[in-house]
């Protein structure tokens, strides 16, 4: 593939640091980009995604779908100066299950007498 067809992308993390830039074919999928980000994620970051699905990519204000290609995600800006496209990376932390069950001992108890005296 000619180098002029490749798209240069870098990925901006939550703290302003970047991963990349890397060059991708327009046929590369967003899922492939997420796998690359996961593989190159800096080890010293506070939030580290555990899987590619924990990563959301945002370009031009839109969350990108895994099945879309880089070519489909490019926004037609006309003639851009030579340079790459920056995509923003959001890590969606795994949802923690809140304790919704109370122990039987902690539940308030009410004593009712349903006796009737005749």
Protein backbone atom coordinates (compact mmCIF):
# COMPACT_ATOMS: atom_id res chain seq x y z
CA UNK A 1 0.00 0.00 0.00
CA UNK A 2 1.43 3.39 -0.91
CA UNK A 3 2.45 5.43 2.12
CA UNK A 4 0.27 8.35 1.02
CA UNK A 5 -2.86 6.20 1.56
CA UNK A 6 -1.96 5.54 5.20
CA UNK A 7 -3.61 7.58 7.94
CA UNK A 8 -1.46 8.85 10.81
CA UNK A 9 -3.21 8.63 14.17
CA UNK A 10 -2.23 9.42 17.71
CA UNK A 11 -4.29 8.71 20.78
CA UNK A 12 -4.67 11.33 23.52
CA UNK A 13 -5.07 9.88 27.01
CA UNK A 14 -7.03 11.39 29.91
CA UNK A 15 -3.92 13.08 31.35
CA UNK A 16 -2.90 14.76 28.09
CA UNK A 17 -0.17 12.27 27.16
CA UNK A 18 -0.23 10.51 23.81
CA UNK A 19 0.20 7.02 22.43
CA UNK A 20 1.62 7.13 18.93
CA UNK A 21 1.59 8.45 16.28
CA UNK A 22 1.12 5.31 14.21
CA UNK A 23 0.16 4.84 10.58
CA UNK A 24 -2.88 2.77 9.70
CA UNK A 25 -4.56 1.57 6.57
CA UNK A 26 -7.97 3.14 5.95
CA UNK A 27 -9.33 -0.43 6.11
CA UNK A 28 -8.19 -0.88 9.75
CA UNK A 29 -11.12 -1.17 12.15
CA UNK A 30 -11.68 0.74 15.37
CA UNK A 31 -11.46 -2.61 17.19
CA UNK A 32 -7.92 -3.03 15.79
CA UNK A 33 -6.99 0.47 17.01
CA UNK A 34 -8.23 -0.38 20.50
CA UNK A 35 -6.13 -3.56 20.57
CA UNK A 36 -3.05 -1.51 19.63
CA UNK A 37 -3.82 1.06 22.33
CA UNK A 38 -4.22 -1.71 24.91
CA UNK A 39 -0.89 -3.27 23.89
CA UNK A 40 0.96 0.08 24.07
CA UNK A 41 -0.78 1.44 27.20
CA UNK A 42 1.78 3.05 29.56
CA UNK A 43 2.22 0.93 32.69
CA UNK A 44 2.54 3.92 35.03
CA UNK A 45 -1.00 5.25 34.48
CA UNK A 46 -3.60 5.31 37.25
CA UNK A 47 -6.37 3.89 35.08
CA UNK A 48 -5.38 0.87 33.01
CA UNK A 49 -7.94 -0.81 30.76
CA UNK A 50 -8.21 -4.56 31.26
CA UNK A 51 -9.66 -5.25 27.82
CA UNK A 52 -10.10 -3.44 24.53
CA UNK A 53 -13.82 -3.09 25.26
CA UNK A 54 -12.96 -0.88 28.27
CA UNK A 55 -11.65 1.71 25.77
CA UNK A 56 -13.80 4.27 24.00
CA UNK A 57 -12.34 6.23 21.07
CA UNK A 58 -13.67 9.69 20.31
CA UNK A 59 -12.99 11.52 17.06
CA UNK A 60 -14.64 14.77 15.99
CA UNK A 61 -16.92 14.55 19.04
CA UNK A 62 -18.29 11.10 18.21
CA UNK A 63 -17.72 7.77 19.95
CA UNK A 64 -16.44 5.38 17.29
CA UNK A 65 -18.01 1.97 16.77
CA UNK A 66 -15.75 -1.10 16.77
CA UNK A 67 -16.92 -2.24 13.34
CA UNK A 68 -16.18 1.07 11.59
CA UNK A 69 -12.99 1.49 9.59
CA UNK A 70 -10.48 4.30 9.87
CA UNK A 71 -11.55 5.43 6.40
CA UNK A 72 -15.19 5.64 7.51
CA UNK A 73 -14.26 7.62 10.65
CA UNK A 74 -12.30 10.31 8.88
CA UNK A 75 -14.12 13.59 8.85
CA UNK A 76 -13.78 15.40 5.54
CA UNK A 77 -11.99 18.60 6.52
CA UNK A 78 -10.87 19.40 3.00
CA UNK A 79 -7.15 19.85 2.61
CA UNK A 80 -5.50 19.45 5.98
CA UNK A 81 -1.87 20.33 6.49
CA UNK A 82 0.45 17.36 6.67
CA UNK A 83 0.01 15.77 10.07
CA UNK A 84 -1.90 13.20 11.98
CA UNK A 85 -5.34 12.93 13.45
CA UNK A 86 -5.71 12.90 17.21
CA UNK A 87 -8.34 10.64 18.73
CA UNK A 88 -9.27 10.90 22.37
CA UNK A 89 -9.20 7.80 24.55
CA UNK A 90 -11.63 7.29 27.41
CA UNK A 91 -11.26 4.37 29.78
CA UNK A 92 -14.57 3.14 31.05
CA UNK A 93 -13.80 1.54 34.40
CA UNK A 94 -15.55 -1.72 35.13
CA UNK A 95 -18.80 -1.23 36.96
CA UNK A 96 -18.65 -2.35 40.57
CA UNK A 97 -21.67 -4.01 42.00
CA UNK A 98 -23.10 -2.00 44.84
CA UNK A 99 -24.22 -3.96 47.83
CA UNK A 100 -27.95 -3.80 47.61
CA UNK A 101 -28.67 -6.73 49.84
CA UNK A 102 -28.86 -6.15 53.54
CA UNK A 103 -28.05 -8.79 56.02
CA UNK A 104 -31.05 -10.16 57.84
CA UNK A 105 -29.62 -8.93 61.17
CA UNK A 106 -29.34 -5.36 59.84
CA UNK A 107 -32.92 -5.12 58.57
CA UNK A 108 -35.25 -3.30 60.97
CA UNK A 109 -37.71 -5.58 62.64
CA UNK A 110 -41.19 -4.74 63.76
CA UNK A 111 -43.16 -6.87 66.12
CA UNK A 112 -46.83 -7.01 65.47
CA UNK A 113 -49.38 -8.92 67.40
CA UNK A 114 -52.31 -10.02 65.39
CA UNK A 115 -54.09 -11.61 68.30
CA UNK A 116 -57.66 -10.88 68.94
CA UNK A 117 -59.28 -11.35 72.34
CA UNK A 118 -62.86 -12.41 72.43
